[in-house]
Amino acid sequence: MLSEIPRWPATLSFHALSPGQVGDLLAEETRWLDRVDHNPSAAGLCLWEQSTPAVVVGRSNVIEREVDVDACAADHVPIFQRSSGGGTVVLGPGCLCYALLLPISETHRRLGVTAVTADIMQHLAASLSRPGQPVSVQGVSDLVIEDRKFSGNAQRWRRTALLHHGTVLYDFDLERIGRYLRFPSRVPVYRHERSHRDFVCNLNLSRAEIVDRLRRTWNAS
């Protein structure tokens, strides 16, 4: 079915957002999604990285169920809720956030969210793979190396545009995930009840390499 996916835009605009309030950065992604919904030529790739720790929960998540609120309060870690689905993530130094703002056609809608997501995920996996370190897609939208997750992704669709955003752990303090997050209420089968520390890993690429690979994959200039 992936061969039926229409080509994405040949070029995307590129924006690197400065660190700031996570709520403001997420709002900027939504504003850009609205622009693409009105003007497909505004399609782009957006990258940003938070300079201090923060927790972001998915639209349908119950904060108290997914997050150790007391630990966050003790460390002055803010908690935000985004407009897309997916699970809860911890952001901070060493965790690169990316957002793809892409136009969608009637063909994309006919093929559906699952097929479109799979196509985008395969592009991302190929982009971040290298000899001896193949990246694969697990669950619906996780990127993994040897069954350990380093990237989670989520989407939000408008009438004629979609936001596909996610994180890449590359030099992150992984202990923070277990400190601030409870065991998730929903987990993919491949996790096998592993703790956060046993389940996640950092991608063995530098930030500069990741940015370059994403920009080349999506021809973002």
Protein backbone atom coordinates (compact mmCIF):
# COMPACT_ATOMS: atom_id res chain seq x y z
CA MET A 1 0.00 0.00 0.00
CA LEU A 2 2.87 2.39 0.70
CA SER A 3 3.63 2.55 -3.03
CA GLU A 4 0.25 4.25 -3.44
CA ILE A 5 1.17 7.16 -1.16
CA PRO A 6 1.40 10.36 -3.24
CA ARG A 7 4.78 12.07 -3.21
CA TRP A 8 5.30 14.56 -0.44
CA PRO A 9 6.39 18.09 -1.43
CA ALA A 10 9.72 18.11 -3.28
CA THR A 11 11.02 20.80 -0.93
CA LEU A 12 10.10 22.02 2.53
CA SER A 13 10.91 25.25 4.30
CA PHE A 14 13.07 24.82 7.38
CA HIS A 15 12.79 26.58 10.73
CA ALA A 16 14.91 26.08 13.85
CA LEU A 17 12.99 27.48 16.80
CA SER A 18 14.83 28.94 19.77
CA PRO A 19 14.29 27.31 23.18
CA GLY A 20 11.41 28.84 25.08
CA GLN A 21 8.22 27.92 26.89
CA VAL A 22 7.16 24.48 25.68
CA GLY A 23 3.54 25.61 25.48
CA ASP A 24 4.55 28.44 23.13
CA LEU A 25 6.61 26.10 20.93
CA LEU A 26 3.75 23.60 20.66
CA ALA A 27 1.40 26.48 19.84
CA GLU A 28 3.76 27.60 17.07
CA GLU A 29 3.59 24.11 15.55
CA THR A 30 -0.22 24.37 15.56
CA ARG A 31 -0.15 27.81 13.97
CA TRP A 32 2.10 26.48 11.23
CA LEU A 33 -0.29 23.56 10.70
CA ASP A 34 -3.09 26.07 10.18
CA ARG A 35 -0.95 27.93 7.62
CA VAL A 36 -0.32 24.75 5.62
CA ASP A 37 -4.02 23.91 5.79
CA HIS A 38 -4.69 27.20 3.99
CA ASN A 39 -1.56 27.21 1.81
CA PRO A 40 0.10 23.87 0.91
CA SER A 41 3.24 25.67 -0.26
CA ALA A 42 3.93 26.57 3.39
CA ALA A 43 4.87 22.93 4.12
CA GLY A 44 7.93 22.67 6.29
CA LEU A 45 10.21 21.01 8.81
CA CYS A 46 10.57 22.56 12.25
CA LEU A 47 13.24 21.61 14.83
CA TRP A 48 13.67 22.70 18.42
CA GLU A 49 15.22 21.55 21.68
CA GLN A 50 14.20 22.45 25.18
CA SER A 51 16.98 23.79 27.40
CA THR A 52 15.33 22.66 30.65
CA PRO A 53 13.30 19.52 31.47
CA ALA A 54 9.57 19.47 30.77
CA VAL A 55 6.87 16.82 30.50
CA VAL A 56 4.37 16.73 27.63
CA VAL A 57 1.34 14.44 27.68
CA GLY A 58 -0.83 13.42 24.75
CA ARG A 59 -4.29 14.83 24.16
CA SER A 60 -6.16 11.88 25.67
CA ASN A 61 -3.75 11.21 28.54
CA VAL A 62 -4.78 11.71 32.18
CA ILE A 63 -1.89 13.60 33.71
CA GLU A 64 -2.12 12.02 37.17
CA ARG A 65 -2.15 8.54 35.63
CA GLU A 66 0.87 9.05 33.39
CA VAL A 67 3.02 11.53 35.34
CA ASP A 68 4.59 11.56 38.79
CA VAL A 69 3.26 15.02 39.56
CA ASP A 70 5.00 15.21 42.93
CA ALA A 71 8.43 14.49 41.42
CA CYS A 72 7.85 17.12 38.75
CA ALA A 73 6.81 19.65 41.37
CA ALA A 74 9.84 18.88 43.53
CA ASP A 75 12.18 19.51 40.58
CA HIS A 76 10.16 22.44 39.18
CA VAL A 77 9.49 20.53 35.94
CA PRO A 78 6.43 21.94 34.12
CA ILE A 79 3.77 19.69 32.61
CA PHE A 80 2.04 20.49 29.31
CA GLN A 81 -0.68 18.79 27.26
CA ARG A 82 -0.40 18.81 23.48
CA SER A 83 -3.14 18.71 20.85
CA SER A 84 -2.00 15.46 19.22
CA GLY A 85 -2.41 11.88 20.41
CA GLY A 86 0.31 9.50 21.53
CA GLY A 87 1.96 8.98 24.86
CA THR A 88 3.80 11.08 27.41
CA VAL A 89 7.37 12.29 26.87
CA VAL A 90 10.05 14.05 28.86
CA LEU A 91 11.87 16.82 27.00
CA GLY A 92 15.14 18.55 27.79
CA PRO A 93 18.76 18.84 26.70
CA GLY A 94 19.72 15.92 24.48
CA CYS A 95 16.18 15.42 23.16
CA LEU A 96 15.61 16.93 19.71
CA CYS A 97 12.00 17.76 18.82
CA TYR A 98 10.92 17.80 15.18
CA ALA A 99 7.69 18.64 13.42
CA LEU A 100 6.69 17.95 9.82
CA LEU A 101 3.90 20.16 8.48
CA LEU A 102 2.65 18.45 5.32
CA PRO A 103 -0.26 18.95 2.91
CA ILE A 104 -2.65 16.02 2.49
CA SER A 105 -4.75 15.15 -0.53
CA GLU A 106 -7.94 13.19 -1.01
CA THR A 107 -5.74 10.19 -1.79
CA HIS A 108 -4.03 10.50 1.58
CA ARG A 109 -7.44 10.61 3.24
CA ARG A 110 -8.61 7.58 1.28
CA LEU A 111 -5.55 5.56 2.29
CA GLY A 112 -6.03 6.64 5.90
CA VAL A 113 -3.97 7.62 8.91
CA THR A 114 -2.34 4.20 9.35
CA ALA A 115 -0.90 4.06 5.82
CA VAL A 116 0.19 7.69 5.81
CA THR A 117 1.85 7.33 9.21
CA ALA A 118 3.66 4.18 8.09
CA ASP A 119 5.02 5.99 5.05
CA ILE A 120 6.34 8.93 7.07
CA MET A 121 7.84 6.59 9.66
CA GLN A 122 9.68 4.62 6.98
CA HIS A 123 11.17 7.87 5.66
CA LEU A 124 12.33 8.77 9.17
CA ALA A 125 13.76 5.30 9.87
CA ALA A 126 15.75 5.32 6.63
CA SER A 127 16.99 8.82 7.38
CA LEU A 128 18.41 7.90 10.79
CA SER A 129 19.81 4.46 9.91
CA ARG A 130 23.48 3.87 9.25
CA PRO A 131 25.67 0.79 8.68
CA GLY A 132 25.70 -1.29 11.83
CA GLN A 133 22.88 0.75 13.34
CA PRO A 134 19.66 0.01 11.43
CA VAL A 135 16.59 1.86 12.66
CA SER A 136 13.23 0.14 12.47
CA VAL A 137 9.62 1.09 13.17
CA GLN A 138 7.83 -0.66 16.02
CA GLY A 139 4.32 -0.27 17.33
CA VAL A 140 2.44 2.41 15.42
CA SER A 141 5.03 5.18 15.47
CA ASP A 142 8.14 4.31 17.49
CA LEU A 143 11.67 4.35 16.09
CA VAL A 144 13.90 1.74 17.68
CA ILE A 145 17.39 0.27 17.61
CA GLU A 146 17.59 -3.38 18.63
CA ASP A 147 14.13 -3.19 20.17
CA ARG A 148 14.91 -0.12 22.29
CA LYS A 149 13.00 3.08 21.62
CA PHE A 150 14.66 6.43 20.96
CA SER A 151 11.83 8.25 19.19
CA GLY A 152 8.09 8.55 19.75
CA ASN A 153 5.74 10.24 17.27
CA ALA A 154 2.21 11.59 17.07
CA GLN A 155 -0.05 13.29 14.53
CA ARG A 156 -2.82 15.81 14.18
CA TRP A 157 -4.84 16.17 10.98
CA ARG A 158 -6.61 19.21 9.60
CA ARG A 159 -8.77 19.29 6.48
CA THR A 160 -5.87 19.52 4.01
CA ALA A 161 -2.75 19.32 6.20
CA LEU A 162 -1.19 17.23 8.93
CA LEU A 163 1.27 17.75 11.75
CA HIS A 164 3.60 14.83 12.37
CA HIS A 165 5.85 15.53 15.31
CA GLY A 166 8.17 13.54 17.49
CA THR A 167 11.32 13.39 19.58
CA VAL A 168 14.79 11.95 19.08
CA LEU A 169 16.80 11.05 22.18
CA TYR A 170 20.50 11.42 21.36
CA ASP A 171 22.24 12.61 24.55
CA PHE A 172 19.41 12.64 27.06
CA ASP A 173 19.57 11.89 30.78
CA LEU A 174 17.45 8.74 30.55
CA GLU A 175 17.03 8.50 34.33
CA ARG A 176 14.72 11.51 34.15
CA ILE A 177 12.11 9.48 32.27
CA GLY A 178 11.67 7.01 35.11
CA ARG A 179 11.71 9.82 37.67
CA TYR A 180 8.94 11.91 36.09
CA LEU A 181 6.77 9.33 34.33
CA ARG A 182 4.73 6.46 35.71
CA PHE A 183 4.51 3.18 33.81
CA PRO A 184 2.28 4.03 30.81
CA SER A 185 -1.38 3.10 30.82
CA ARG A 186 -0.98 1.83 27.25
CA VAL A 187 2.15 0.14 25.92
CA PRO A 188 3.08 -1.50 22.59
CA VAL A 189 3.42 -5.26 22.58
CA TYR A 190 7.14 -5.13 21.81
CA ARG A 191 7.83 -3.34 25.12
CA HIS A 192 7.22 -6.57 27.10
CA GLU A 193 6.61 -4.74 30.41
CA ARG A 194 10.13 -3.32 30.45
CA SER A 195 10.82 -0.36 32.73
CA HIS A 196 11.50 3.04 31.20
CA ARG A 197 15.25 2.62 31.74
CA ASP A 198 15.32 -0.80 30.05
CA PHE A 199 13.06 0.31 27.21
CA VAL A 200 14.58 3.58 25.96
CA CYS A 201 17.99 4.50 24.60
CA ASN A 202 19.88 7.35 22.98
CA LEU A 203 20.54 7.31 19.26
CA ASN A 204 24.26 7.16 18.57
CA LEU A 205 24.33 10.21 16.32
CA SER A 206 25.24 13.79 17.16
CA ARG A 207 22.63 16.52 17.12
CA ALA A 208 24.24 18.03 14.01
CA GLU A 209 24.11 14.67 12.21
CA ILE A 210 20.44 14.18 13.08
CA VAL A 211 19.52 17.66 11.89
CA ASP A 212 21.45 17.17 8.65
CA ARG A 213 19.85 13.80 7.96
CA LEU A 214 16.33 15.07 8.58
CA ARG A 215 16.87 18.11 6.40
CA ARG A 216 18.31 16.02 3.55
CA THR A 217 15.51 13.44 3.74
CA TRP A 218 12.82 16.12 3.45
CA ASN A 219 14.88 18.51 1.31
CA ALA A 220 14.24 21.24 3.86
CA SER A 221 16.06 24.48 3.14
